């Protein structure tokens, strides 16, 4: 038998700074992680419960996915779950998984354990035993301990047959809001089974939780390289690695002809297989004539961030007879570190000559090559 799913994404997320369900984790909106996991596991349908103004945001966050639809939730979590249940058009015995969007790392193994548990229980929830010592406190002081034996940390999704959870909510008349769906079914006399949870199924509640979530994601290192050449022409200064250097010539190009930044931009785009600088800033486009190449580099770095990645380090080599680079190398490193938001020790700028050989040795032009390492989830 198949199953349905409800993902609750209607909260304000105020403790995390607001709208946490739409915030990127690993380069994807947080809600998308759960929806993709449920769809992959075979959920049909998946109902996303959003705030009244959240429908367009759900469309953006879940673009390209089929098999889901959004409904408007209520002022409380319980009201939002009720709205999700009302939207389901399934048989009474259909298993329904009710999940918090704030728990993005849902695995197929947890889903399978929950569905299996419904064979001999009215509900099921993933849980982890409490491992830490527990203390009661008053006014900042310890006033006693709490026995942790038999205590479990409840997670979501929680699983029930559709009629079971609908009837349980219909019978809930208490003034207080239920802590979760398991409490509603328990109050109605149902048996809720504990199944093995997952440490990675953490709830992202506070801003620091997002840093922890990023750290939990598997990472891969990508290497990119770039190369650029510009010819010399009449002028009084040259731009290299974001620094203007007085010189008796300038480099000729459609933009400011900063070969160092162009090579580095290509290296970053190459590391994420995102084309090259000409694809994003074609020289045929007049808006880029004379443009500062700082914009190209920052754009490439933003493309990495949008994928949930980060630049680890960069290395630029300038190949020329003139001008002398060494007096300006520190300024170049500092400028690159500023543009890429990197520590200075992650930025290298070097210079070399070709021993008077080739076009650079003859003073016809300047070349630059760059290498970059990028970490991606």
Protein backbone atom coordinates (compact mmCIF):
# COMPACT_ATOMS: atom_id res chain seq x y z
CA UNK A 1 0.00 0.00 0.00
CA UNK A 2 1.15 3.51 -0.75
CA UNK A 3 1.16 6.35 1.73
CA UNK A 4 0.42 10.06 1.95
CA UNK A 5 2.40 12.77 3.67
CA UNK A 6 1.84 16.18 5.21
CA UNK A 7 4.74 18.61 5.62
CA UNK A 8 4.01 21.43 8.05
CA UNK A 9 5.71 24.62 6.84
CA UNK A 10 3.35 27.34 8.08
CA UNK A 11 5.29 28.58 11.10
CA UNK A 12 7.04 31.93 11.35
CA UNK A 13 10.40 30.44 12.39
CA UNK A 14 11.01 33.48 14.61
CA UNK A 15 13.58 31.77 16.84
CA UNK A 16 15.72 31.11 13.77
CA UNK A 17 15.35 34.66 12.49
CA UNK A 18 12.16 34.11 10.49
CA UNK A 19 11.01 32.05 7.50
CA UNK A 20 13.39 29.20 8.28
CA UNK A 21 11.48 26.71 6.11
CA UNK A 22 12.49 28.70 3.01
CA UNK A 23 16.10 29.23 4.07
CA UNK A 24 18.78 27.38 2.12
CA UNK A 25 20.49 24.35 3.63
CA UNK A 26 23.13 22.79 1.45
CA UNK A 27 22.03 25.02 -1.42
CA UNK A 28 18.38 23.93 -1.29
CA UNK A 29 15.39 25.45 0.54
CA UNK A 30 14.96 23.53 3.78
CA UNK A 31 11.41 22.40 2.95
CA UNK A 32 12.60 20.88 -0.33
CA UNK A 33 14.78 18.32 1.47
CA UNK A 34 11.80 16.71 3.20
CA UNK A 35 9.50 16.89 0.19
CA UNK A 36 12.09 15.26 -2.06
CA UNK A 37 12.70 12.49 0.50
CA UNK A 38 8.99 11.75 0.82
CA UNK A 39 8.36 11.79 -2.92
CA UNK A 40 11.35 9.54 -3.54
CA UNK A 41 10.02 7.10 -0.94
CA UNK A 42 6.71 6.93 -2.80
CA UNK A 43 4.45 9.37 -0.96
CA UNK A 44 1.39 10.28 -3.00
CA UNK A 45 0.18 12.88 -2.42
CA UNK A 46 2.44 15.20 -0.43
CA UNK A 47 0.52 18.14 1.07
CA UNK A 48 2.57 21.18 2.11
CA UNK A 49 0.87 23.35 4.71
CA UNK A 50 1.97 26.97 4.40
CA UNK A 51 1.09 30.38 5.78
CA UNK A 52 -1.42 32.48 3.78
CA UNK A 53 1.46 34.28 2.04
CA UNK A 54 3.54 31.14 1.52
CA UNK A 55 2.07 29.66 -1.66
CA UNK A 56 4.35 31.50 -4.08
CA UNK A 57 7.35 30.71 -1.92
CA UNK A 58 6.43 27.02 -2.00
CA UNK A 59 6.18 27.21 -5.80
CA UNK A 60 9.71 28.65 -5.94
CA UNK A 61 11.19 26.27 -3.36
CA UNK A 62 9.71 23.15 -4.95
CA UNK A 63 10.05 24.11 -8.61
CA UNK A 64 10.52 21.07 -10.81
CA UNK A 65 8.95 18.60 -8.36
CA UNK A 66 5.65 16.86 -9.12
CA UNK A 67 3.21 15.13 -6.78
CA UNK A 68 2.74 17.85 -4.17
CA UNK A 69 0.27 20.63 -3.51
CA UNK A 70 0.07 23.42 -0.96
CA UNK A 71 -2.79 24.36 1.37
CA UNK A 72 -3.12 27.22 3.82
CA UNK A 73 -2.51 26.42 7.47
CA UNK A 74 -3.73 27.95 10.70
CA UNK A 75 -2.42 29.98 13.62
CA UNK A 76 -1.16 26.89 15.48
CA UNK A 77 0.60 23.74 14.43
CA UNK A 78 -2.48 21.66 15.31
CA UNK A 79 -4.66 23.83 13.07
CA UNK A 80 -2.16 23.45 10.26
CA UNK A 81 -2.13 19.67 10.62
CA UNK A 82 -5.92 19.63 10.57
CA UNK A 83 -5.82 21.64 7.33
CA UNK A 84 -3.42 19.14 5.82
CA UNK A 85 -5.61 16.20 6.87
CA UNK A 86 -8.69 17.86 5.39
CA UNK A 87 -6.90 18.18 2.07
CA UNK A 88 -6.20 14.45 1.77
CA UNK A 89 -8.53 12.47 -0.48
CA UNK A 90 -7.40 8.97 0.44
CA UNK A 91 -8.89 5.78 1.80
CA UNK A 92 -9.40 5.62 5.56
CA UNK A 93 -6.66 3.04 6.04
CA UNK A 94 -4.02 5.00 4.07
CA UNK A 95 -0.85 5.54 6.13
CA UNK A 96 -0.14 9.24 6.62
CA UNK A 97 3.26 10.62 7.65
CA UNK A 98 3.12 14.06 9.29
CA UNK A 99 6.45 15.84 9.21
CA UNK A 100 7.97 19.16 10.28
CA UNK A 101 9.71 21.08 7.50
CA UNK A 102 12.29 22.09 10.10
CA UNK A 103 13.75 18.55 10.06
CA UNK A 104 15.33 18.41 6.58
CA UNK A 105 17.43 15.24 6.73
CA UNK A 106 14.73 12.59 6.52
CA UNK A 107 15.99 9.19 5.40
CA UNK A 108 14.21 6.39 3.57
CA UNK A 109 15.17 4.05 6.42
CA UNK A 110 13.16 6.07 8.97
CA UNK A 111 10.18 6.18 6.60
CA UNK A 112 10.33 2.41 6.15
CA UNK A 113 10.48 1.78 9.91
CA UNK A 114 7.45 3.99 10.52
CA UNK A 115 5.36 2.27 7.86
CA UNK A 116 6.29 -1.16 9.21
CA UNK A 117 5.33 -0.15 12.76
CA UNK A 118 1.75 0.61 11.67
CA UNK A 119 1.20 -3.11 11.12
CA UNK A 120 0.55 -3.61 14.86
CA UNK A 121 0.08 -0.11 16.31
CA UNK A 122 -2.21 2.89 15.92
CA UNK A 123 0.70 5.24 15.39
CA UNK A 124 4.45 5.39 15.25
CA UNK A 125 7.12 8.00 15.85
CA UNK A 126 10.90 8.01 15.47
CA UNK A 127 12.71 8.65 18.74
CA UNK A 128 16.14 8.62 20.30
CA UNK A 129 16.92 7.71 23.93
CA UNK A 130 17.97 10.62 26.14
CA UNK A 131 21.71 10.25 26.63
CA UNK A 132 22.52 13.40 28.60
CA UNK A 133 22.15 13.81 32.34
CA UNK A 134 19.02 15.84 33.14
CA UNK A 135 18.66 18.54 35.81
CA UNK A 136 15.84 20.72 37.10
CA UNK A 137 16.66 24.37 37.55
CA UNK A 138 15.18 27.42 39.23
CA UNK A 139 16.55 30.93 38.88
CA UNK A 140 19.71 29.59 37.29
CA UNK A 141 20.43 27.05 40.04
CA UNK A 142 20.18 23.26 40.04
CA UNK A 143 17.36 22.10 42.30
CA UNK A 144 17.31 18.42 41.50
CA UNK A 145 17.81 15.69 38.97
CA UNK A 146 15.50 13.86 36.57
CA UNK A 147 15.74 10.13 35.99
CA UNK A 148 16.38 9.63 32.29
CA UNK A 149 15.54 5.93 32.08
CA UNK A 150 12.59 5.47 29.77
CA UNK A 151 12.83 9.01 28.35
CA UNK A 152 12.95 9.49 24.60
CA UNK A 153 13.45 12.45 22.27
CA UNK A 154 10.52 12.43 19.85
CA UNK A 155 11.10 13.32 16.20
CA UNK A 156 9.00 13.52 13.07
CA UNK A 157 7.54 12.30 10.79
CA UNK A 158 4.89 10.57 12.86
CA UNK A 159 2.77 7.93 11.16
CA UNK A 160 -0.92 7.00 11.49
CA UNK A 161 -3.76 5.60 9.43
CA UNK A 162 -5.78 8.49 8.02
CA UNK A 163 -9.02 7.65 9.88
CA UNK A 164 -7.10 7.12 13.16
CA UNK A 165 -5.54 10.58 13.19
CA UNK A 166 -8.66 12.32 11.88
CA UNK A 167 -10.85 10.73 14.56
CA UNK A 168 -8.30 11.49 17.26
CA UNK A 169 -8.20 15.17 16.33
CA UNK A 170 -12.00 15.27 16.22
CA UNK A 171 -12.03 13.95 19.79
CA UNK A 172 -9.45 16.43 21.07
CA UNK A 173 -11.36 18.96 23.15
CA UNK A 174 -8.71 20.15 25.59
CA UNK A 175 -7.98 23.84 25.72
CA UNK A 176 -4.22 23.34 25.45
CA UNK A 177 -2.54 22.70 22.12
CA UNK A 178 -1.20 19.16 21.63
CA UNK A 179 2.58 18.83 21.56
CA UNK A 180 2.41 16.52 18.54
CA UNK A 181 0.14 14.06 16.76
CA UNK A 182 1.26 11.16 18.97
CA UNK A 183 -0.19 13.00 21.97
CA UNK A 184 -3.52 13.38 20.15
CA UNK A 185 -3.72 9.67 19.32
CA UNK A 186 -2.60 8.65 22.82
CA UNK A 187 -5.31 10.83 24.37
CA UNK A 188 -7.86 9.06 22.17
CA UNK A 189 -6.68 5.70 23.53
CA UNK A 190 -4.39 4.71 20.67
CA UNK A 191 -1.14 2.78 20.94
CA UNK A 192 1.87 4.64 19.53
CA UNK A 193 5.00 2.65 18.86
CA UNK A 194 8.53 4.04 19.15
CA UNK A 195 10.86 3.26 16.26
CA UNK A 196 14.54 4.00 15.90
CA UNK A 197 15.11 7.66 15.04
CA UNK A 198 18.08 9.34 13.43
CA UNK A 199 20.56 11.80 14.97
CA UNK A 200 20.63 13.63 11.64
CA UNK A 201 16.89 14.22 11.86
CA UNK A 202 17.53 17.22 14.08
CA UNK A 203 15.09 20.11 14.25
CA UNK A 204 16.57 23.39 13.07
CA UNK A 205 15.25 25.91 15.58
CA UNK A 206 17.96 28.49 16.25
CA UNK A 207 20.37 30.29 13.89
CA UNK A 208 23.31 28.18 15.10
CA UNK A 209 21.44 25.01 14.15
CA UNK A 210 21.87 25.88 10.47
CA UNK A 211 25.66 25.86 10.83
CA UNK A 212 25.40 22.43 12.45
CA UNK A 213 23.19 21.20 9.60
CA UNK A 214 25.69 22.37 7.00
CA UNK A 215 28.46 20.57 8.89
CA UNK A 216 26.45 17.32 8.82
CA UNK A 217 26.17 17.30 5.04
CA UNK A 218 28.68 15.14 3.14
CA UNK A 219 31.11 17.34 1.25
CA UNK A 220 33.04 17.00 -1.97
CA UNK A 221 36.02 19.07 -3.08
CA UNK A 222 36.07 20.40 -6.64
CA UNK A 223 39.10 21.92 -8.37
CA UNK A 224 38.81 24.58 -11.05
CA UNK A 225 41.39 26.29 -13.24
CA UNK A 226 41.32 29.40 -15.38
CA UNK A 227 43.53 31.11 -17.94
CA UNK A 228 43.31 34.55 -19.53
CA UNK A 229 45.38 36.73 -21.85
CA UNK A 230 45.21 40.43 -22.78
CA UNK A 231 47.43 42.44 -25.09
CA UNK A 232 49.17 45.64 -24.15
CA UNK A 233 48.11 49.02 -25.55
CA UNK A 234 48.52 52.71 -24.86
CA UNK A 235 47.61 53.78 -21.33
CA UNK A 236 48.81 55.00 -17.95
CA UNK A 237 47.81 52.18 -15.59
CA UNK A 238 46.77 48.54 -15.48
CA UNK A 239 44.28 46.63 -13.31
CA UNK A 240 45.54 43.33 -11.90
CA UNK A 241 43.72 41.26 -9.27
CA UNK A 242 41.52 44.22 -8.41
CA UNK A 243 44.39 46.66 -7.86
CA UNK A 244 45.26 49.59 -10.14
CA UNK A 245 48.99 49.83 -10.85
CA UNK A 246 50.59 52.88 -12.54
CA UNK A 247 52.24 51.75 -15.77
CA UNK A 248 53.20 53.14 -19.17
CA UNK A 249 50.73 50.79 -20.89
CA UNK A 250 47.34 49.27 -20.20
CA UNK A 251 45.71 45.96 -21.02
CA UNK A 252 43.15 46.04 -23.81
CA UNK A 253 39.79 44.33 -23.35
CA UNK A 254 36.03 44.81 -23.42
CA UNK A 255 35.89 45.29 -19.64
CA UNK A 256 38.78 46.59 -17.53
CA UNK A 257 40.91 43.69 -18.87
CA UNK A 258 41.95 42.51 -15.42
CA UNK A 259 43.47 39.19 -16.50
CA UNK A 260 43.98 38.02 -12.92
CA UNK A 261 40.32 38.42 -12.02
CA UNK A 262 39.19 36.93 -15.33
CA UNK A 263 41.30 33.80 -14.84
CA UNK A 264 40.09 33.45 -11.26
CA UNK A 265 36.45 33.94 -12.26
CA UNK A 266 36.81 31.19 -14.86
CA UNK A 267 38.44 28.91 -12.30
CA UNK A 268 35.54 29.33 -9.88
CA UNK A 269 32.93 28.76 -12.59
CA UNK A 270 34.89 25.75 -13.78
CA UNK A 271 34.94 24.20 -10.31
CA UNK A 272 31.14 24.08 -10.29
CA UNK A 273 30.84 23.23 -14.01
CA UNK A 274 28.97 26.46 -14.67
CA UNK A 275 30.41 27.51 -18.02
CA UNK A 276 32.92 30.32 -18.38
CA UNK A 277 33.09 34.07 -18.01
CA UNK A 278 32.03 34.61 -21.63
CA UNK A 279 28.80 32.68 -21.06
CA UNK A 280 27.75 34.93 -18.19
CA UNK A 281 29.30 38.22 -19.38
CA UNK A 282 29.53 38.04 -23.19
CA UNK A 283 31.88 40.64 -24.72
CA UNK A 284 29.21 41.32 -27.33
CA UNK A 285 27.01 42.85 -24.60
CA UNK A 286 27.66 46.62 -24.39
CA UNK A 287 26.71 46.78 -20.70
CA UNK A 288 30.03 45.14 -19.80
CA UNK A 289 32.20 47.59 -21.78
CA UNK A 290 34.72 49.04 -19.34
CA UNK A 291 33.08 47.19 -16.42
CA UNK A 292 35.04 46.48 -13.28
CA UNK A 293 35.95 42.80 -13.18
CA UNK A 294 35.26 42.82 -9.44
CA UNK A 295 31.63 42.27 -10.40
CA UNK A 296 32.47 39.13 -12.37
CA UNK A 297 34.39 37.59 -9.49
CA UNK A 298 31.74 38.34 -6.88
CA UNK A 299 29.09 36.92 -9.20
CA UNK A 300 31.02 33.66 -9.56
CA UNK A 301 31.41 33.41 -5.78
CA UNK A 302 27.67 33.95 -5.36
CA UNK A 303 27.04 31.07 -7.78
CA UNK A 304 29.05 28.82 -5.48
CA UNK A 305 27.12 30.00 -2.42
CA UNK A 306 23.81 29.38 -4.20
CA UNK A 307 24.86 25.74 -4.56
CA UNK A 308 25.48 25.55 -0.80
CA UNK A 309 29.23 25.54 -1.36
CA UNK A 310 32.17 27.61 -0.24
CA UNK A 311 35.49 28.59 -1.79
CA UNK A 312 38.33 27.03 0.20
CA UNK A 313 41.37 28.72 -1.35
CA UNK A 314 42.52 30.47 -4.52
CA UNK A 315 45.89 30.75 -6.25
CA UNK A 316 46.66 33.23 -9.05
CA UNK A 317 49.83 33.39 -11.15
CA UNK A 318 50.52 36.47 -13.29
CA UNK A 319 52.85 35.89 -16.26
CA UNK A 320 54.57 39.03 -17.54
CA UNK A 321 57.84 40.93 -17.86
CA UNK A 322 56.28 44.20 -16.69
CA UNK A 323 54.97 45.66 -14.46
CA UNK A 324 56.69 44.36 -11.36
CA UNK A 325 54.07 42.53 -9.33
CA UNK A 326 55.87 41.93 -6.04
CA UNK A 327 55.43 45.50 -4.67
CA UNK A 328 51.65 45.14 -5.18
CA UNK A 329 51.18 41.48 -4.30
CA UNK A 330 50.02 42.05 -0.73
CA UNK A 331 47.42 44.60 -1.86
CA UNK A 332 46.20 42.12 -4.48
CA UNK A 333 45.86 39.35 -1.89
CA UNK A 334 43.95 41.65 0.44
CA UNK A 335 41.61 42.76 -2.34
CA UNK A 336 40.87 39.17 -3.41
CA UNK A 337 40.30 38.15 0.21
CA UNK A 338 37.85 41.05 0.59
CA UNK A 339 35.93 40.25 -2.58
CA UNK A 340 35.69 36.52 -1.86
CA UNK A 341 35.26 36.87 1.93
CA UNK A 342 38.24 34.59 2.53
CA UNK A 343 40.96 34.68 5.17
CA UNK A 344 44.19 36.12 3.81
CA UNK A 345 46.04 32.83 4.20
CA UNK A 346 43.59 31.25 1.73
CA UNK A 347 44.62 33.67 -1.04
CA UNK A 348 47.84 33.38 -3.04
CA UNK A 349 49.11 35.71 -5.76
CA UNK A 350 52.39 34.98 -7.54
CA UNK A 351 54.19 36.30 -10.59
CA UNK A 352 56.65 34.80 -13.05
CA UNK A 353 58.21 35.53 -16.43
CA UNK A 354 58.77 33.35 -19.48
CA UNK A 355 62.48 34.24 -19.68
CA UNK A 356 61.82 36.64 -22.58
CA UNK A 357 60.18 33.86 -24.60
CA UNK A 358 56.78 34.00 -26.29
CA UNK A 359 54.32 36.88 -26.48
CA UNK A 360 54.68 37.73 -22.78
CA UNK A 361 58.47 37.71 -23.09
CA UNK A 362 58.29 40.04 -26.08
CA UNK A 363 56.07 42.41 -24.08
CA UNK A 364 53.07 41.94 -26.36
CA UNK A 365 50.68 40.94 -23.62
CA UNK A 366 50.11 39.58 -20.14
CA UNK A 367 48.77 36.17 -19.15
CA UNK A 368 47.22 34.91 -15.92
CA UNK A 369 46.31 31.49 -14.67
CA UNK A 370 44.36 30.58 -11.56
CA UNK A 371 43.39 27.55 -9.53
CA UNK A 372 40.65 27.29 -6.93
CA UNK A 373 39.27 24.63 -4.62
CA UNK A 374 35.58 24.63 -3.80
CA UNK A 375 33.69 22.59 -1.21
CA UNK A 376 30.19 21.51 -2.24
CA UNK A 377 27.57 19.45 -0.41
